[in-house]
Amino acid sequence: MRLRSAFAAVLGAALLIAANPVSASAASGQFRYDYVTTEGYEATGFLNNPPSDQCLDLPGVGQDNPEPGHSPKNRTDAWATVFTGLNCQGDSFTLRPQTGGGTERLKVRSVIFS
């Protein structure tokens, strides 16, 4: 009797998990950008397989760095919208999947993928 109820519980849990799949949406590929560190060195930042539909502040160009990033390159399979401010605020520009990019004049601090 115990084996039968344990089997029913396991089967019920498996059916619930199968009925509610977790969405693990992410852009495949790499997003790159250049920036100047607070010490004055040229650096390249990147995000590998970033999550979709989530605003991401770019590492290295946050509040502690007065200089924004520049020259973004979208090598992911999703559209990337870059913003001049943190928290996806300010002016924005959309970069197409795989080949989208901007020049040194395009300043960035945050991005969202869709």
PDB file of N, CA and C in Angstrom:
ATOM      1  N   MET A   1       0.812  -1.186   0.000  1.00  0.00           N
ATOM      2  CA  MET A   1       0.000   0.000   0.000  1.00  0.00           C
ATOM      3  C   MET A   1       0.861   1.257   0.000  1.00  0.00           C
ATOM      4  N   ARG A   2       1.919   1.265   0.798  1.00  0.00           N
ATOM      5  CA  ARG A   2       2.799   2.428   0.844  1.00  0.00           C
ATOM      6  C   ARG A   2       3.471   2.663  -0.500  1.00  0.00           C
ATOM      7  N   LEU A   3       3.893   1.595  -1.148  1.00  0.00           N
ATOM      8  CA  LEU A   3       4.558   1.702  -2.444  1.00  0.00           C
ATOM      9  C   LEU A   3       3.617   2.313  -3.469  1.00  0.00           C
ATOM     10  N   ARG A   4       2.365   1.917  -3.425  1.00  0.00           N
ATOM     11  CA  ARG A   4       1.386   2.437  -4.365  1.00  0.00           C
ATOM     12  C   ARG A   4       1.162   3.939  -4.159  1.00  0.00           C
ATOM     13  N   SER A   5       1.048   4.418  -2.940  1.00  0.00           N
ATOM     14  CA  SER A   5       0.827   5.847  -2.680  1.00  0.00           C
ATOM     15  C   SER A   5       2.093   6.658  -2.993  1.00  0.00           C
ATOM     16  N   ALA A   6       3.266   6.086  -2.739  1.00  0.00           N
ATOM     17  CA  ALA A   6       4.505   6.783  -3.090  1.00  0.00           C
ATOM     18  C   ALA A   6       4.626   6.919  -4.603  1.00  0.00           C
ATOM     19  N   PHE A   7       4.276   5.859  -5.315  1.00  0.00           N
ATOM     20  CA  PHE A   7       4.309   5.900  -6.778  1.00  0.00           C
ATOM     21  C   PHE A   7       3.338   6.948  -7.308  1.00  0.00           C
ATOM     22  N   ALA A   8       2.156   7.019  -6.728  1.00  0.00           N
ATOM     23  CA  ALA A   8       1.155   8.006  -7.155  1.00  0.00           C
ATOM     24  C   ALA A   8       1.649   9.422  -6.892  1.00  0.00           C
ATOM     25  N   ALA A   9       2.328   9.645  -5.765  1.00  0.00           N
ATOM     26  CA  ALA A   9       2.856  10.975  -5.450  1.00  0.00           C
ATOM     27  C   ALA A   9       3.943  11.385  -6.440  1.00  0.00           C
ATOM     28  N   VAL A  10       4.837  10.470  -6.756  1.00  0.00           N
ATOM     29  CA  VAL A  10       5.910  10.754  -7.713  1.00  0.00           C
ATOM     30  C   VAL A  10       5.326  11.029  -9.098  1.00  0.00           C
ATOM     31  N   LEU A  11       4.364  10.221  -9.504  1.00  0.00           N
ATOM     32  CA  LEU A  11       3.728  10.408 -10.806  1.00  0.00           C
ATOM     33  C   LEU A  11       3.004  11.749 -10.867  1.00  0.00           C
ATOM     34  N   GLY A  12       2.308  12.113  -9.808  1.00  0.00           N
ATOM     35  CA  GLY A  12       1.611  13.400  -9.761  1.00  0.00           C
ATOM     36  C   GLY A  12       2.575  14.574  -9.840  1.00  0.00           C
ATOM     37  N   ALA A  13       3.689  14.490  -9.132  1.00  0.00           N
ATOM     38  CA  ALA A  13       4.695  15.556  -9.175  1.00  0.00           C
ATOM     39  C   ALA A  13       5.288  15.680 -10.573  1.00  0.00           C
ATOM     40  N   ALA A  14       5.558  14.542 -11.211  1.00  0.00           N
ATOM     41  CA  ALA A  14       6.119  14.577 -12.569  1.00  0.00           C
ATOM     42  C   ALA A  14       5.146  15.220 -13.543  1.00  0.00           C
ATOM     43  N   LEU A  15       3.872  14.927 -13.393  1.00  0.00           N
ATOM     44  CA  LEU A  15       2.870  15.534 -14.274  1.00  0.00           C
ATOM     45  C   LEU A  15       2.757  17.033 -14.062  1.00  0.00           C
ATOM     46  N   LEU A  16       2.864  17.485 -12.815  1.00  0.00           N
ATOM     47  CA  LEU A  16       2.824  18.925 -12.536  1.00  0.00           C
ATOM     48  C   LEU A  16       4.020  19.643 -13.148  1.00  0.00           C
ATOM     49  N   ILE A  17       5.178  19.053 -13.039  1.00  0.00           N
ATOM     50  CA  ILE A  17       6.381  19.662 -13.616  1.00  0.00           C
ATOM     51  C   ILE A  17       6.268  19.721 -15.135  1.00  0.00           C
ATOM     52  N   ALA A  18       5.771  18.673 -15.742  1.00  0.00           N
ATOM     53  CA  ALA A  18       5.621  18.641 -17.198  1.00  0.00           C
ATOM     54  C   ALA A  18       4.569  19.629 -17.671  1.00  0.00           C
ATOM     55  N   ALA A  19       3.560  19.884 -16.865  1.00  0.00           N
ATOM     56  CA  ALA A  19       2.487  20.796 -17.253  1.00  0.00           C
ATOM     57  C   ALA A  19       2.914  22.250 -17.147  1.00  0.00           C
ATOM     58  N   ASN A  20       3.886  22.573 -16.307  1.00  0.00           N
ATOM     59  CA  ASN A  20       4.339  23.945 -16.101  1.00  0.00           C
ATOM     60  C   ASN A  20       5.826  24.061 -16.396  1.00  0.00           C
ATOM     61  N   PRO A  21       6.218  24.039 -17.664  1.00  0.00           N
ATOM     62  CA  PRO A  21       7.646  24.138 -17.959  1.00  0.00           C
ATOM     63  C   PRO A  21       8.181  25.525 -17.597  1.00  0.00           C
ATOM     64  N   VAL A  22       9.394  25.535 -17.080  1.00  0.00           N
ATOM     65  CA  VAL A  22      10.032  26.784 -16.707  1.00  0.00           C
ATOM     66  C   VAL A  22      10.654  27.397 -17.951  1.00  0.00           C
ATOM     67  N   SER A  23      10.391  28.658 -18.167  1.00  0.00           N
ATOM     68  CA  SER A  23      10.938  29.346 -19.321  1.00  0.00           C
ATOM     69  C   SER A  23      12.346  29.834 -18.993  1.00  0.00           C
ATOM     70  N   ALA A  24      13.330  29.307 -19.673  1.00  0.00           N
ATOM     71  CA  ALA A  24      14.722  29.707 -19.475  1.00  0.00           C
ATOM     72  C   ALA A  24      15.195  30.434 -20.719  1.00  0.00           C
ATOM     73  N   SER A  25      14.551  31.539 -21.011  1.00  0.00           N
ATOM     74  CA  SER A  25      14.835  32.283 -22.226  1.00  0.00           C
ATOM     75  C   SER A  25      16.146  33.052 -22.084  1.00  0.00           C
ATOM     76  N   ALA A  26      17.021  32.849 -23.026  1.00  0.00           N
ATOM     77  CA  ALA A  26      18.290  33.565 -23.032  1.00  0.00           C
ATOM     78  C   ALA A  26      18.731  33.758 -24.475  1.00  0.00           C
ATOM     79  N   ALA A  27      19.454  34.822 -24.689  1.00  0.00           N
ATOM     80  CA  ALA A  27      20.039  35.062 -25.999  1.00  0.00           C
ATOM     81  C   ALA A  27      21.302  34.221 -26.101  1.00  0.00           C
ATOM     82  N   SER A  28      21.475  33.522 -27.191  1.00  0.00           N
ATOM     83  CA  SER A  28      22.681  32.716 -27.393  1.00  0.00           C
ATOM     84  C   SER A  28      23.716  33.550 -28.123  1.00  0.00           C
ATOM     85  N   GLY A  29      24.922  33.545 -27.603  1.00  0.00           N
ATOM     86  CA  GLY A  29      25.996  34.289 -28.234  1.00  0.00           C
ATOM     87  C   GLY A  29      26.635  35.268 -27.268  1.00  0.00           C
ATOM     88  N   GLN A  30      27.331  36.243 -27.828  1.00  0.00           N
ATOM     89  CA  GLN A  30      28.083  37.189 -27.010  1.00  0.00           C
ATOM     90  C   GLN A  30      27.770  38.628 -27.403  1.00  0.00           C
ATOM     91  N   PHE A  31      27.649  39.475 -26.390  1.00  0.00           N
ATOM     92  CA  PHE A  31      27.503  40.917 -26.565  1.00  0.00           C
ATOM     93  C   PHE A  31      28.781  41.552 -26.046  1.00  0.00           C
ATOM     94  N   ARG A  32      29.412  42.412 -26.871  1.00  0.00           N
ATOM     95  CA  ARG A  32      30.698  43.015 -26.497  1.00  0.00           C
ATOM     96  C   ARG A  32      30.598  44.538 -26.546  1.00  0.00           C
ATOM     97  N   TYR A  33      31.439  45.204 -25.776  1.00  0.00           N
ATOM     98  CA  TYR A  33      31.524  46.663 -25.778  1.00  0.00           C
ATOM     99  C   TYR A  33      32.906  47.051 -25.253  1.00  0.00           C
ATOM    100  N   ASP A  34      33.345  48.226 -25.622  1.00  0.00           N
ATOM    101  CA  ASP A  34      34.632  48.738 -25.159  1.00  0.00           C
ATOM    102  C   ASP A  34      34.384  49.846 -24.149  1.00  0.00           C
ATOM    103  N   TYR A  35      35.350  50.055 -23.262  1.00  0.00           N
ATOM    104  CA  TYR A  35      35.245  51.131 -22.286  1.00  0.00           C
ATOM    105  C   TYR A  35      36.631  51.465 -21.733  1.00  0.00           C
ATOM    106  N   VAL A  36      36.707  52.581 -21.024  1.00  0.00           N
ATOM    107  CA  VAL A  36      37.931  52.989 -20.355  1.00  0.00           C
ATOM    108  C   VAL A  36      37.713  52.777 -18.866  1.00  0.00           C
ATOM    109  N   THR A  37      38.625  52.047 -18.228  1.00  0.00           N
ATOM    110  CA  THR A  37      38.492  51.771 -16.799  1.00  0.00           C
ATOM    111  C   THR A  37      38.689  53.045 -15.984  1.00  0.00           C
ATOM    112  N   THR A  38      38.359  52.990 -14.712  1.00  0.00           N
ATOM    113  CA  THR A  38      38.560  54.158 -13.847  1.00  0.00           C
ATOM    114  C   THR A  38      40.042  54.486 -13.684  1.00  0.00           C
ATOM    115  N   GLU A  39      40.910  53.491 -13.982  1.00  0.00           N
ATOM    116  CA  GLU A  39      42.361  53.730 -13.935  1.00  0.00           C
ATOM    117  C   GLU A  39      42.892  54.275 -15.251  1.00  0.00           C
ATOM    118  N   GLY A  40      42.034  54.375 -16.277  1.00  0.00           N
ATOM    119  CA  GLY A  40      42.445  54.939 -17.561  1.00  0.00           C
ATOM    120  C   GLY A  40      42.866  53.934 -18.612  1.00  0.00           C
ATOM    121  N   TYR A  41      42.647  52.646 -18.387  1.00  0.00           N
ATOM    122  CA  TYR A  41      43.030  51.613 -19.345  1.00  0.00           C
ATOM    123  C   TYR A  41      41.865  51.256 -20.266  1.00  0.00           C
ATOM    124  N   GLU A  42      42.184  50.969 -21.532  1.00  0.00           N
ATOM    125  CA  GLU A  42      41.181  50.473 -22.478  1.00  0.00           C
ATOM    126  C   GLU A  42      40.836  49.042 -22.100  1.00  0.00           C
ATOM    127  N   ALA A  43      39.544  48.712 -22.130  1.00  0.00           N
ATOM    128  CA  ALA A  43      39.103  47.368 -21.780  1.00  0.00           C
ATOM    129  C   ALA A  43      37.928  46.976 -22.667  1.00  0.00           C
ATOM    130  N   THR A  44      37.669  45.692 -22.738  1.00  0.00           N
ATOM    131  CA  THR A  44      36.514  45.164 -23.461  1.00  0.00           C
ATOM    132  C   THR A  44      35.679  44.372 -22.475  1.00  0.00           C
ATOM    133  N   GLY A  45      34.393  44.701 -22.433  1.00  0.00           N
ATOM    134  CA  GLY A  45      33.461  43.962 -21.595  1.00  0.00           C
ATOM    135  C   GLY A  45      32.617  43.062 -22.469  1.00  0.00           C
ATOM    136  N   PHE A  46      32.081  42.007 -21.887  1.00  0.00           N
ATOM    137  CA  PHE A  46      31.229  41.118 -22.674  1.00  0.00           C
ATOM    138  C   PHE A  46      30.219  40.421 -21.782  1.00  0.00           C
ATOM    139  N   LEU A  47      29.112  40.025 -22.397  1.00  0.00           N
ATOM    140  CA  LEU A  47      28.075  39.221 -21.757  1.00  0.00           C
ATOM    141  C   LEU A  47      27.900  37.972 -22.602  1.00  0.00           C
ATOM    142  N   ASN A  48      28.057  36.811 -22.018  1.00  0.00           N
ATOM    143  CA  ASN A  48      27.865  35.543 -22.726  1.00  0.00           C
ATOM    144  C   ASN A  48      26.477  34.998 -22.430  1.00  0.00           C
ATOM    145  N   ASN A  49      25.735  34.666 -23.479  1.00  0.00           N
ATOM    146  CA  ASN A  49      24.393  34.091 -23.355  1.00  0.00           C
ATOM    147  C   ASN A  49      23.544  34.851 -22.333  1.00  0.00           C
ATOM    148  N   PRO A  50      23.360  36.159 -22.544  1.00  0.00           N
ATOM    149  CA  PRO A  50      22.624  36.969 -21.567  1.00  0.00           C
ATOM    150  C   PRO A  50      21.138  36.615 -21.521  1.00  0.00           C
ATOM    151  N   PRO A  51      20.499  36.827 -20.365  1.00  0.00           N
ATOM    152  CA  PRO A  51      19.069  36.542 -20.254  1.00  0.00           C
ATOM    153  C   PRO A  51      18.252  37.515 -21.106  1.00  0.00           C
ATOM    154  N   SER A  52      17.108  37.062 -21.570  1.00  0.00           N
ATOM    155  CA  SER A  52      16.213  37.900 -22.366  1.00  0.00           C
ATOM    156  C   SER A  52      15.221  38.623 -21.462  1.00  0.00           C
ATOM    157  N   ASP A  53      14.713  39.740 -21.968  1.00  0.00           N
ATOM    158  CA  ASP A  53      13.664  40.517 -21.290  1.00  0.00           C
ATOM    159  C   ASP A  53      14.051  40.929 -19.875  1.00  0.00           C
ATOM    160  N   GLN A  54      15.329  41.222 -19.677  1.00  0.00           N
ATOM    161  CA  GLN A  54      15.811  41.658 -18.367  1.00  0.00           C
ATOM    162  C   GLN A  54      16.849  42.751 -18.595  1.00  0.00           C
ATOM    163  N   CYS A  55      16.655  43.904 -17.973  1.00  0.00           N
ATOM    164  CA  CYS A  55      17.611  45.003 -18.126  1.00  0.00           C
ATOM    165  C   CYS A  55      18.914  44.634 -17.426  1.00  0.00           C
ATOM    166  N   LEU A  56      20.016  44.798 -18.126  1.00  0.00           N
ATOM    167  CA  LEU A  56      21.338  44.488 -17.577  1.00  0.00           C
ATOM    168  C   LEU A  56      22.214  45.732 -17.612  1.00  0.00           C
ATOM    169  N   ASP A  57      22.693  46.163 -16.439  1.00  0.00           N
ATOM    170  CA  ASP A  57      23.685  47.229 -16.393  1.00  0.00           C
ATOM    171  C   ASP A  57      25.025  46.605 -16.763  1.00  0.00           C
ATOM    172  N   LEU A  58      25.748  47.257 -17.650  1.00  0.00           N
ATOM    173  CA  LEU A  58      26.996  46.687 -18.160  1.00  0.00           C
ATOM    174  C   LEU A  58      28.123  46.806 -17.135  1.00  0.00           C
ATOM    175  N   PRO A  59      28.802  45.701 -16.843  1.00  0.00           N
ATOM    176  CA  PRO A  59      29.919  45.729 -15.900  1.00  0.00           C
ATOM    177  C   PRO A  59      31.027  46.679 -16.383  1.00  0.00           C
ATOM    178  N   GLY A  60      31.580  47.435 -15.445  1.00  0.00           N
ATOM    179  CA  GLY A  60      32.692  48.327 -15.752  1.00  0.00           C
ATOM    180  C   GLY A  60      32.286  49.743 -16.096  1.00  0.00           C
ATOM    181  N   VAL A  61      31.022  49.972 -16.392  1.00  0.00           N
ATOM    182  CA  VAL A  61      30.576  51.317 -16.781  1.00  0.00           C
ATOM    183  C   VAL A  61      29.392  51.773 -15.924  1.00  0.00           C
ATOM    184  N   GLY A  62      29.381  51.334 -14.679  1.00  0.00           N
ATOM    185  CA  GLY A  62      28.311  51.690 -13.753  1.00  0.00           C
ATOM    186  C   GLY A  62      28.537  53.054 -13.119  1.00  0.00           C
ATOM    187  N   GLN A  63      27.908  53.273 -11.981  1.00  0.00           N
ATOM    188  CA  GLN A  63      27.973  54.557 -11.294  1.00  0.00           C
ATOM    189  C   GLN A  63      29.380  54.939 -10.872  1.00  0.00           C
ATOM    190  N   ASP A  64      30.244  53.944 -10.629  1.00  0.00           N
ATOM    191  CA  ASP A  64      31.608  54.237 -10.183  1.00  0.00           C
ATOM    192  C   ASP A  64      32.520  54.688 -11.325  1.00  0.00           C
ATOM    193  N   ASN A  65      32.074  54.573 -12.563  1.00  0.00           N
ATOM    194  CA  ASN A  65      32.877  54.981 -13.719  1.00  0.00           C
ATOM    195  C   ASN A  65      32.159  56.122 -14.434  1.00  0.00           C
ATOM    196  N   PRO A  66      32.768  57.299 -14.485  1.00  0.00           N
ATOM    197  CA  PRO A  66      32.101  58.428 -15.155  1.00  0.00           C
ATOM    198  C   PRO A  66      32.023  58.272 -16.675  1.00  0.00           C
ATOM    199  N   GLU A  67      32.843  57.387 -17.243  1.00  0.00           N
ATOM    200  CA  GLU A  67      32.843  57.170 -18.690  1.00  0.00           C
ATOM    201  C   GLU A  67      31.930  56.011 -19.079  1.00  0.00           C
ATOM    202  N   PRO A  68      31.016  56.224 -20.028  1.00  0.00           N
ATOM    203  CA  PRO A  68      30.180  55.106 -20.491  1.00  0.00           C
ATOM    204  C   PRO A  68      30.965  54.189 -21.424  1.00  0.00           C
ATOM    205  N   GLY A  69      30.387  53.032 -21.705  1.00  0.00           N
ATOM    206  CA  GLY A  69      30.963  52.140 -22.697  1.00  0.00           C
ATOM    207  C   GLY A  69      30.664  52.675 -24.094  1.00  0.00           C
ATOM    208  N   HIS A  70      31.293  52.067 -25.090  1.00  0.00           N
ATOM    209  CA  HIS A  70      31.079  52.483 -26.476  1.00  0.00           C
ATOM    210  C   HIS A  70      31.338  51.309 -27.412  1.00  0.00           C
ATOM    211  N   SER A  71      31.043  51.490 -28.672  1.00  0.00           N
ATOM    212  CA  SER A  71      31.289  50.501 -29.728  1.00  0.00           C
ATOM    213  C   SER A  71      30.671  49.132 -29.430  1.00  0.00           C
ATOM    214  N   PRO A  72      29.377  49.072 -29.099  1.00  0.00           N
ATOM    215  CA  PRO A  72      28.772  47.767 -28.806  1.00  0.00           C
ATOM    216  C   PRO A  72      28.676  46.894 -30.047  1.00  0.00           C
ATOM    217  N   LYS A  73      28.789  45.597 -29.835  1.00  0.00           N
ATOM    218  CA  LYS A  73      28.657  44.620 -30.927  1.00  0.00           C
ATOM    219  C   LYS A  73      27.757  43.493 -30.440  1.00  0.00           C
ATOM    220  N   ASN A  74      26.642  43.300 -31.138  1.00  0.00           N
ATOM    221  CA  ASN A  74      25.683  42.267 -30.764  1.00  0.00           C
ATOM    222  C   ASN A  74      25.925  41.019 -31.599  1.00  0.00           C
ATOM    223  N   ARG A  75      26.515  40.012 -30.997  1.00  0.00           N
ATOM    224  CA  ARG A  75      26.770  38.738 -31.671  1.00  0.00           C
ATOM    225  C   ARG A  75      25.876  37.642 -31.083  1.00  0.00           C
ATOM    226  N   THR A  76      24.719  38.053 -30.558  1.00  0.00           N
ATOM    227  CA  THR A  76      23.753  37.089 -30.042  1.00  0.00           C
ATOM    228  C   THR A  76      22.687  36.840 -31.112  1.00  0.00           C
ATOM    229  N   ASP A  77      21.785  35.907 -30.832  1.00  0.00           N
ATOM    230  CA  ASP A  77      20.703  35.622 -31.765  1.00  0.00           C
ATOM    231  C   ASP A  77      19.430  36.403 -31.430  1.00  0.00           C
ATOM    232  N   ALA A  78      19.543  37.434 -30.592  1.00  0.00           N
ATOM    233  CA  ALA A  78      18.392  38.247 -30.193  1.00  0.00           C
ATOM    234  C   ALA A  78      18.664  39.722 -30.494  1.00  0.00           C
ATOM    235  N   TRP A  79      17.588  40.500 -30.621  1.00  0.00           N
ATOM    236  CA  TRP A  79      17.726  41.949 -30.770  1.00  0.00           C
ATOM    237  C   TRP A  79      18.218  42.516 -29.445  1.00  0.00           C
ATOM    238  N   ALA A  80      19.133  43.475 -29.489  1.00  0.00           N
ATOM    239  CA  ALA A  80      19.660  44.123 -28.290  1.00  0.00           C
ATOM    240  C   ALA A  80      19.346  45.614 -28.366  1.00  0.00           C
ATOM    241  N   THR A  81      18.737  46.133 -27.323  1.00  0.00           N
ATOM    242  CA  THR A  81      18.490  47.569 -27.238  1.00  0.00           C
ATOM    243  C   THR A  81      19.431  48.111 -26.179  1.00  0.00           C
ATOM    244  N   VAL A  82      20.331  49.008 -26.584  1.00  0.00           N
ATOM    245  CA  VAL A  82      21.305  49.597 -25.669  1.00  0.00           C
ATOM    246  C   VAL A  82      20.804  50.966 -25.224  1.00  0.00           C
ATOM    247  N   PHE A  83      21.185  51.349 -24.005  1.00  0.00           N
ATOM    248  CA  PHE A  83      20.740  52.609 -23.420  1.00  0.00           C
ATOM    249  C   PHE A  83      21.938  53.419 -22.945  1.00  0.00           C
ATOM    250  N   THR A  84      21.793  54.748 -22.976  1.00  0.00           N
ATOM    251  CA  THR A  84      22.864  55.635 -22.534  1.00  0.00           C
ATOM    252  C   THR A  84      22.970  55.692 -21.018  1.00  0.00           C
ATOM    253  N   GLY A  85      21.910  55.323 -20.306  1.00  0.00           N
ATOM    254  CA  GLY A  85      21.911  55.371 -18.849  1.00  0.00           C
ATOM    255  C   GLY A  85      21.791  54.001 -18.224  1.00  0.00           C
ATOM    256  N   LEU A  86      21.989  53.960 -16.915  1.00  0.00           N
ATOM    257  CA  LEU A  86      21.808  52.728 -16.157  1.00  0.00           C
ATOM    258  C   LEU A  86      20.326  52.386 -16.071  1.00  0.00           C
ATOM    259  N   ASN A  87      20.016  51.138 -15.770  1.00  0.00           N
ATOM    260  CA  ASN A  87      18.635  50.668 -15.592  1.00  0.00           C
ATOM    261  C   ASN A  87      17.771  50.899 -16.830  1.00  0.00           C
ATOM    262  N   CYS A  88      18.388  50.800 -17.997  1.00  0.00           N
ATOM    263  CA  CYS A  88      17.692  50.966 -19.282  1.00  0.00           C
ATOM    264  C   CYS A  88      16.957  52.305 -19.362  1.00  0.00           C
ATOM    265  N   GLN A  89      17.629  53.338 -18.923  1.00  0.00           N
ATOM    266  CA  GLN A  89      17.110  54.706 -18.972  1.00  0.00           C
ATOM    267  C   GLN A  89      17.906  55.511 -19.993  1.00  0.00           C
ATOM    268  N   GLY A  90      17.338  56.590 -20.456  1.00  0.00           N
ATOM    269  CA  GLY A  90      18.025  57.480 -21.384  1.00  0.00           C
ATOM    270  C   GLY A  90      17.747  57.126 -22.827  1.00  0.00           C
ATOM    271  N   ASP A  91      18.551  57.675 -23.717  1.00  0.00           N
ATOM    272  CA  ASP A  91      18.394  57.404 -25.142  1.00  0.00           C
ATOM    273  C   ASP A  91      18.712  55.948 -25.424  1.00  0.00           C
ATOM    274  N   SER A  92      18.071  55.409 -26.466  1.00  0.00           N
ATOM    275  CA  SER A  92      18.289  54.000 -26.790  1.00  0.00           C
ATOM    276  C   SER A  92      18.543  53.820 -28.281  1.00  0.00           C
ATOM    277  N   PHE A  93      19.139  52.685 -28.597  1.00  0.00           N
ATOM    278  CA  PHE A  93      19.427  52.320 -29.979  1.00  0.00           C
ATOM    279  C   PHE A  93      19.342  50.799 -30.060  1.00  0.00           C
ATOM    280  N   THR A  94      18.714  50.280 -31.102  1.00  0.00           N
ATOM    281  CA  THR A  94      18.529  48.841 -31.254  1.00  0.00           C
ATOM    282  C   THR A  94      19.558  48.256 -32.215  1.00  0.00           C
ATOM    283  N   LEU A  95      20.161  47.141 -31.800  1.00  0.00           N
ATOM    284  CA  LEU A  95      21.157  46.439 -32.602  1.00  0.00           C
ATOM    285  C   LEU A  95      20.587  45.101 -33.045  1.00  0.00           C
ATOM    286  N   ARG A  96      20.673  44.817 -34.327  1.00  0.00           N
ATOM    287  CA  ARG A  96      20.122  43.554 -34.861  1.00  0.00           C
ATOM    288  C   ARG A  96      20.943  42.352 -34.387  1.00  0.00           C
ATOM    289  N   PRO A  97      20.339  41.170 -34.444  1.00  0.00           N
ATOM    290  CA  PRO A  97      21.059  39.953 -34.045  1.00  0.00           C
ATOM    291  C   PRO A  97      22.259  39.661 -34.956  1.00  0.00           C
ATOM    292  N   GLN A  98      23.276  39.058 -34.391  1.00  0.00           N
ATOM    293  CA  GLN A  98      24.480  38.553 -35.064  1.00  0.00           C
ATOM    294  C   GLN A  98      25.412  39.635 -35.601  1.00  0.00           C
ATOM    295  N   THR A  99      24.907  40.619 -36.318  1.00  0.00           N
ATOM    296  CA  THR A  99      25.790  41.568 -37.001  1.00  0.00           C
ATOM    297  C   THR A  99      25.638  43.006 -36.534  1.00  0.00           C
ATOM    298  N   GLY A 100      24.758  43.272 -35.570  1.00  0.00           N
ATOM    299  CA  GLY A 100      24.520  44.646 -35.135  1.00  0.00           C
ATOM    300  C   GLY A 100      25.697  45.208 -34.374  1.00  0.00           C
ATOM    301  N   GLY A 101      25.991  46.460 -34.636  1.00  0.00           N
ATOM    302  CA  GLY A 101      27.102  47.101 -33.945  1.00  0.00           C
ATOM    303  C   GLY A 101      27.026  48.599 -34.044  1.00  0.00           C
ATOM    304  N   GLY A 102      27.783  49.253 -33.208  1.00  0.00           N
ATOM    305  CA  GLY A 102      27.841  50.700 -33.202  1.00  0.00           C
ATOM    306  C   GLY A 102      29.275  51.171 -33.163  1.00  0.00           C
ATOM    307  N   THR A 103      29.457  52.424 -33.481  1.00  0.00           N
ATOM    308  CA  THR A 103      30.794  53.011 -33.486  1.00  0.00           C
ATOM    309  C   THR A 103      31.149  53.530 -32.094  1.00  0.00           C
ATOM    310  N   GLU A 104      32.295  54.150 -31.999  1.00  0.00           N
ATOM    311  CA  GLU A 104      32.757  54.731 -30.744  1.00  0.00           C
ATOM    312  C   GLU A 104      31.831  55.853 -30.268  1.00  0.00           C
ATOM    313  N   ARG A 105      31.070  56.412 -31.192  1.00  0.00           N
ATOM    314  CA  ARG A 105      30.144  57.503 -30.841  1.00  0.00           C
ATOM    315  C   ARG A 105      28.906  57.000 -30.100  1.00  0.00           C
ATOM    316  N   LEU A 106      28.587  55.712 -30.195  1.00  0.00           N
ATOM    317  CA  LEU A 106      27.417  55.156 -29.516  1.00  0.00           C
ATOM    318  C   LEU A 106      27.802  54.794 -28.080  1.00  0.00           C
ATOM    319  N   LYS A 107      27.324  55.589 -27.134  1.00  0.00           N
ATOM    320  CA  LYS A 107      27.648  55.404 -25.712  1.00  0.00           C
ATOM    321  C   LYS A 107      26.607  54.508 -25.060  1.00  0.00           C
ATOM    322  N   VAL A 108      27.057  53.577 -24.209  1.00  0.00           N
ATOM    323  CA  VAL A 108      26.157  52.601 -23.594  1.00  0.00           C
ATOM    324  C   VAL A 108      26.488  52.386 -22.117  1.00  0.00           C
ATOM    325  N   ARG A 109      25.427  52.120 -21.335  1.00  0.00           N
ATOM    326  CA  ARG A 109      25.582  51.750 -19.923  1.00  0.00           C
ATOM    327  C   ARG A 109      24.704  50.553 -19.553  1.00  0.00           C
ATOM    328  N   SER A 110      23.679  50.277 -20.357  1.00  0.00           N
ATOM    329  CA  SER A 110      22.798  49.142 -20.062  1.00  0.00           C
ATOM    330  C   SER A 110      22.215  48.599 -21.356  1.00  0.00           C
ATOM    331  N   VAL A 111      21.663  47.370 -21.273  1.00  0.00           N
ATOM    332  CA  VAL A 111      21.139  46.690 -22.469  1.00  0.00           C
ATOM    333  C   VAL A 111      20.019  45.748 -22.060  1.00  0.00           C
ATOM    334  N   ILE A 112      19.103  45.517 -22.999  1.00  0.00           N
ATOM    335  CA  ILE A 112      18.052  44.522 -22.819  1.00  0.00           C
ATOM    336  C   ILE A 112      17.933  43.739 -24.126  1.00  0.00           C
ATOM    337  N   PHE A 113      17.753  42.422 -24.009  1.00  0.00           N
ATOM    338  CA  PHE A 113      17.656  41.549 -25.179  1.00  0.00           C
ATOM    339  C   PHE A 113      16.225  41.064 -25.336  1.00  0.00           C
ATOM    340  N   SER A 114      15.766  41.016 -26.598  1.00  0.00           N
ATOM    341  CA  SER A 114      14.399  40.527 -26.842  1.00  0.00           C
ATOM    342  C   SER A 114      14.355  39.645 -28.083  1.00  0.00           C
TER     343      SER A 114
END
